[in-house]
């Protein structure tokens, strides 16, 4: 049993905490909206009033937060976790904040606190069933230490030094976003030439867009358009002036979406 603090119990943080509880770990949770942790408390989690309170006795801390600003506030803000982290406790950031932000975070942590970046591939359903792809970067010793816990959540893929997991996550999400945007355009062509949507999807499932078809028609996924837009913007920031017309067009589509809170599959 490991004593774990989970900071952020939203769409992904909550099923992650449930998996850890089911595996027999002692879990303390914190969420900005405290009521969202009620189900976890009913399952045996402890609830803390502040991030600092959540991590005081932790042997491992997991953050699963919206963006870099949220990570900054939870770790370094008022009652933030960093000031209360026990020496030697690894911090596993599972948020998607990009490799530059991860490396900056690692430099600012107290001596003896190792950062492991571990964003995930997969949505809520995969988190519930322990089938996430956990993309892990960080010092080898720290990764060795946290891998048994992360293995409860899915398949752990080592991605090299600090920031390696965050970098591969941007690659993965760029493929996801551009693939779904390409599928949306392809279905628009199908409509324009009189091809039934279901017939088009059936044929496209065996095409190079097969993975996009599977994601675009999947139930139980929850990856908000706004979050996808944030991730593709991180990728474009990394590209700088490098031409990437497909990614830039996909980003424009996301930013123009009528419902930023809807799942990414609404693109198609």
Protein backbone atom coordinates (compact mmCIF):
# COMPACT_ATOMS: atom_id res chain seq x y z
CA UNK A 1 0.00 0.00 0.00
CA UNK A 2 1.20 3.48 -0.90
CA UNK A 3 -0.11 6.69 0.65
CA UNK A 4 -1.08 8.81 -2.37
CA UNK A 5 -2.41 12.34 -2.73
CA UNK A 6 -4.43 13.07 -5.87
CA UNK A 7 -4.82 16.76 -6.61
CA UNK A 8 -7.62 17.32 -9.10
CA UNK A 9 -10.59 14.96 -9.28
CA UNK A 10 -12.25 16.05 -12.51
CA UNK A 11 -13.11 13.86 -15.51
CA UNK A 12 -9.76 12.04 -15.41
CA UNK A 13 -8.59 12.56 -11.84
CA UNK A 14 -11.67 10.90 -10.34
CA UNK A 15 -11.38 7.56 -12.19
CA UNK A 16 -7.64 7.55 -11.52
CA UNK A 17 -8.32 7.94 -7.81
CA UNK A 18 -10.93 5.18 -7.96
CA UNK A 19 -8.44 2.80 -9.60
CA UNK A 20 -5.89 3.52 -6.91
CA UNK A 21 -8.43 2.95 -4.14
CA UNK A 22 -9.53 -0.33 -5.71
CA UNK A 23 -5.88 -1.44 -5.81
CA UNK A 24 -5.64 -1.02 -2.05
CA UNK A 25 -3.77 2.27 -1.83
CA UNK A 26 -4.57 4.91 0.77
CA UNK A 27 -5.73 7.95 -1.18
CA UNK A 28 -6.22 11.54 -0.08
CA UNK A 29 -7.96 13.79 -2.59
CA UNK A 30 -8.28 17.50 -3.09
CA UNK A 31 -10.41 19.32 -5.64
CA UNK A 32 -11.11 22.99 -6.05
CA UNK A 33 -14.84 22.17 -6.02
CA UNK A 34 -14.95 19.96 -2.93
CA UNK A 35 -18.33 18.40 -3.72
CA UNK A 36 -16.86 16.66 -6.75
CA UNK A 37 -14.84 14.40 -4.45
CA UNK A 38 -17.86 13.14 -2.51
CA UNK A 39 -18.10 9.85 -4.43
CA UNK A 40 -14.44 9.15 -3.76
CA UNK A 41 -14.87 9.79 -0.05
CA UNK A 42 -17.74 7.29 -0.05
CA UNK A 43 -15.30 4.74 -1.51
CA UNK A 44 -12.78 5.34 1.26
CA UNK A 45 -10.70 8.30 0.15
CA UNK A 46 -9.77 10.98 2.60
CA UNK A 47 -10.59 14.55 1.59
CA UNK A 48 -8.31 17.48 2.29
CA UNK A 49 -9.34 21.11 2.45
CA UNK A 50 -6.18 22.38 0.74
CA UNK A 51 -3.46 21.01 -1.55
CA UNK A 52 -0.97 21.42 1.30
CA UNK A 53 -3.18 19.40 3.61
CA UNK A 54 -3.51 16.64 1.02
CA UNK A 55 0.22 16.04 0.61
CA UNK A 56 1.59 16.32 4.15
CA UNK A 57 1.72 12.56 4.77
CA UNK A 58 1.92 11.45 1.15
CA UNK A 59 4.46 9.00 -0.21
CA UNK A 60 3.52 9.96 -3.78
CA UNK A 61 1.62 12.96 -5.15
CA UNK A 62 -0.35 12.99 -8.41
CA UNK A 63 -1.62 16.14 -10.10
CA UNK A 64 -4.25 15.89 -12.83
CA UNK A 65 -5.21 19.48 -13.61
CA UNK A 66 -6.52 21.53 -16.52
CA UNK A 67 -3.48 23.49 -17.60
CA UNK A 68 -0.17 25.01 -16.54
CA UNK A 69 -1.90 27.88 -14.71
CA UNK A 70 -3.86 25.41 -12.59
CA UNK A 71 -0.71 23.42 -11.83
CA UNK A 72 1.04 26.64 -10.80
CA UNK A 73 -1.79 27.65 -8.47
CA UNK A 74 -2.18 24.24 -6.85
CA UNK A 75 1.53 23.73 -6.27
CA UNK A 76 2.81 27.23 -5.56
CA UNK A 77 -0.26 29.31 -4.68
CA UNK A 78 -1.86 29.95 -1.30
CA UNK A 79 -1.92 26.67 0.69
CA UNK A 80 -0.07 25.13 -2.25
CA UNK A 81 1.32 21.63 -2.14
CA UNK A 82 5.01 22.39 -2.66
CA UNK A 83 5.54 23.94 0.76
CA UNK A 84 4.14 20.84 2.47
CA UNK A 85 5.73 18.10 0.32
CA UNK A 86 7.65 15.64 2.50
CA UNK A 87 11.31 15.31 1.53
CA UNK A 88 11.82 12.54 -0.98
CA UNK A 89 8.20 12.39 -2.10
CA UNK A 90 7.95 12.12 -5.90
CA UNK A 91 5.52 14.41 -7.71
CA UNK A 92 3.78 12.84 -10.71
CA UNK A 93 2.19 15.44 -12.99
CA UNK A 94 -0.38 13.79 -15.24
CA UNK A 95 -1.69 17.07 -16.62
CA UNK A 96 -1.03 18.10 -20.22
CA UNK A 97 1.09 21.23 -19.93
CA UNK A 98 3.87 20.68 -22.48
CA UNK A 99 7.55 19.84 -22.04
CA UNK A 100 8.78 23.39 -21.42
CA UNK A 101 6.38 23.89 -18.52
CA UNK A 102 7.30 20.47 -17.11
CA UNK A 103 11.02 21.23 -17.15
CA UNK A 104 10.42 24.64 -15.57
CA UNK A 105 8.36 22.99 -12.85
CA UNK A 106 11.09 20.43 -12.17
CA UNK A 107 13.65 23.21 -11.67
CA UNK A 108 11.46 24.93 -9.08
CA UNK A 109 10.74 21.96 -6.83
CA UNK A 110 12.52 21.62 -3.50
CA UNK A 111 15.71 19.60 -3.33
CA UNK A 112 14.92 15.91 -2.95
CA UNK A 113 11.53 16.12 -4.70
CA UNK A 114 11.67 14.47 -8.12
CA UNK A 115 9.19 15.34 -10.85
CA UNK A 116 7.85 12.61 -13.11
CA UNK A 117 5.74 13.83 -16.04
CA UNK A 118 3.13 11.21 -16.86
CA UNK A 119 0.35 12.49 -19.12
CA UNK A 120 -1.92 9.81 -20.49
CA UNK A 121 -3.36 8.60 -23.75
CA UNK A 122 -6.98 7.53 -23.43
CA UNK A 123 -10.13 9.02 -21.99
CA UNK A 124 -12.45 8.34 -19.09
CA UNK A 125 -13.37 4.80 -20.13
CA UNK A 126 -9.72 3.77 -20.32
CA UNK A 127 -9.07 5.36 -16.94
CA UNK A 128 -11.95 3.42 -15.40
CA UNK A 129 -10.67 0.08 -16.73
CA UNK A 130 -6.95 0.67 -16.21
CA UNK A 131 -6.19 0.81 -19.94
CA UNK A 132 -4.54 4.20 -20.20
CA UNK A 133 -1.23 4.69 -21.99
CA UNK A 134 0.89 6.42 -19.36
CA UNK A 135 3.68 8.41 -21.04
CA UNK A 136 6.41 8.80 -18.44
CA UNK A 137 9.43 11.07 -18.38
CA UNK A 138 11.84 11.74 -15.54
CA UNK A 139 14.90 10.50 -13.66
CA UNK A 140 15.26 6.73 -13.90
CA UNK A 141 15.21 6.14 -10.14
CA UNK A 142 12.05 8.21 -9.70
CA UNK A 143 10.35 6.49 -12.63
CA UNK A 144 11.27 3.09 -11.18
CA UNK A 145 9.74 4.14 -7.88
CA UNK A 146 6.39 5.34 -9.24
CA UNK A 147 5.91 2.80 -12.05
CA UNK A 148 4.20 0.13 -9.89
CA UNK A 149 1.51 2.66 -8.94
CA UNK A 150 1.15 4.01 -12.47
CA UNK A 151 0.88 0.44 -13.74
CA UNK A 152 -2.47 0.21 -11.95
CA UNK A 153 -3.73 2.84 -14.39
CA UNK A 154 -2.53 1.25 -17.61
CA UNK A 155 0.57 0.54 -19.67
CA UNK A 156 3.60 2.59 -18.65
CA UNK A 157 5.78 3.78 -21.54
CA UNK A 158 9.13 5.28 -20.60
CA UNK A 159 9.84 8.39 -22.67
CA UNK A 160 13.28 9.44 -21.45
CA UNK A 161 14.26 12.38 -19.24
CA UNK A 162 12.03 15.00 -17.66
CA UNK A 163 9.60 16.43 -20.23
CA UNK A 164 9.75 13.34 -22.47
CA UNK A 165 6.25 12.19 -21.54
CA UNK A 166 4.83 15.67 -22.01
CA UNK A 167 6.47 15.92 -25.43
CA UNK A 168 5.09 12.61 -26.66
CA UNK A 169 1.63 13.59 -25.39
CA UNK A 170 1.67 16.64 -27.66
CA UNK A 171 2.58 14.39 -30.59
CA UNK A 172 -0.28 12.04 -29.71
CA UNK A 173 -2.84 14.81 -29.32
CA UNK A 174 -1.75 16.52 -32.54
CA UNK A 175 -2.46 13.27 -34.36
CA UNK A 176 -5.82 12.95 -32.60
CA UNK A 177 -6.97 16.49 -33.37
CA UNK A 178 -5.80 16.56 -36.98
CA UNK A 179 -7.19 13.06 -37.59
CA UNK A 180 -10.65 14.03 -36.37
CA UNK A 181 -10.55 17.26 -38.36
CA UNK A 182 -9.61 15.26 -41.47
CA UNK A 183 -12.47 12.86 -40.79
CA UNK A 184 -14.90 15.77 -40.46
CA UNK A 185 -13.80 17.11 -43.85
CA UNK A 186 -14.02 13.65 -45.42
CA UNK A 187 -17.57 13.22 -44.16
CA UNK A 188 -18.42 16.64 -45.57
CA UNK A 189 -17.23 15.39 -48.97
CA UNK A 190 -19.35 12.26 -48.50
CA UNK A 191 -22.40 14.40 -47.90
CA UNK A 192 -21.64 16.61 -50.86
CA UNK A 193 -21.47 13.65 -53.26
CA UNK A 194 -24.49 11.86 -51.82
CA UNK A 195 -22.76 9.09 -49.85
CA UNK A 196 -24.67 7.95 -46.77
CA UNK A 197 -22.81 8.88 -43.58
CA UNK A 198 -22.94 5.37 -42.09
CA UNK A 199 -21.72 3.83 -45.33
CA UNK A 200 -18.86 6.30 -45.42
CA UNK A 201 -17.91 5.55 -41.82
CA UNK A 202 -17.97 1.81 -42.49
CA UNK A 203 -15.56 2.14 -45.39
CA UNK A 204 -13.38 4.71 -43.62
CA UNK A 205 -12.99 2.41 -40.63
CA UNK A 206 -10.70 0.25 -42.78
CA UNK A 207 -8.85 3.25 -44.21
CA UNK A 208 -5.92 5.34 -42.93
CA UNK A 209 -8.56 7.26 -40.93
CA UNK A 210 -9.65 4.14 -39.06
CA UNK A 211 -8.41 5.35 -35.66
CA UNK A 212 -10.21 8.68 -36.14
CA UNK A 213 -13.43 6.81 -36.98
CA UNK A 214 -13.09 4.73 -33.81
CA UNK A 215 -12.58 7.84 -31.65
CA UNK A 216 -15.18 9.90 -33.44
CA UNK A 217 -17.88 7.28 -32.92
CA UNK A 218 -16.86 6.10 -29.45
CA UNK A 219 -19.14 6.53 -26.45
CA UNK A 220 -17.98 7.34 -22.95
CA UNK A 221 -15.13 9.63 -23.97
CA UNK A 222 -14.71 13.03 -22.38
CA UNK A 223 -12.07 15.29 -23.90
CA UNK A 224 -13.49 18.78 -24.14
CA UNK A 225 -12.93 20.79 -27.29
CA UNK A 226 -11.46 23.59 -25.15
CA UNK A 227 -8.84 21.23 -23.71
CA UNK A 228 -7.99 19.89 -27.16
CA UNK A 229 -7.58 23.48 -28.36
CA UNK A 230 -5.23 24.16 -25.44
CA UNK A 231 -3.14 21.12 -26.36
CA UNK A 232 -2.88 21.91 -30.07
CA UNK A 233 -1.90 25.47 -29.13
CA UNK A 234 0.96 24.04 -27.04
CA UNK A 235 2.07 22.05 -30.08
CA UNK A 236 1.91 25.13 -32.30
CA UNK A 237 3.89 27.14 -29.76
CA UNK A 238 6.58 24.47 -29.93
CA UNK A 239 6.57 24.66 -33.73
CA UNK A 240 7.12 28.40 -33.77
CA UNK A 241 7.37 29.56 -37.39
CA UNK A 242 7.53 26.02 -38.80
CA UNK A 243 4.80 25.57 -41.42
CA UNK A 244 2.15 23.15 -40.23
CA UNK A 245 -0.96 23.98 -42.26
CA UNK A 246 -2.97 20.93 -41.20
CA UNK A 247 -2.37 21.45 -37.48
CA UNK A 248 -3.08 25.17 -37.78
CA UNK A 249 -6.32 24.51 -39.65
CA UNK A 250 -7.38 21.99 -37.01
CA UNK A 251 -6.63 24.53 -34.28
CA UNK A 252 -8.77 27.12 -36.05
CA UNK A 253 -11.62 24.60 -36.23
CA UNK A 254 -11.39 23.93 -32.50
CA UNK A 255 -11.33 27.60 -31.59
CA UNK A 256 -14.41 28.20 -33.76
CA UNK A 257 -16.43 25.37 -32.17
CA UNK A 258 -19.86 26.41 -30.88
CA UNK A 259 -19.59 24.38 -27.65
CA UNK A 260 -16.06 24.33 -26.20
CA UNK A 261 -17.23 22.09 -23.34
CA UNK A 262 -18.44 19.32 -25.68
CA UNK A 263 -16.40 16.21 -26.38
CA UNK A 264 -13.91 16.40 -29.23
CA UNK A 265 -15.97 13.87 -31.22
CA UNK A 266 -18.51 16.62 -31.91
CA UNK A 267 -16.12 17.73 -34.65
CA UNK A 268 -17.54 14.87 -36.72
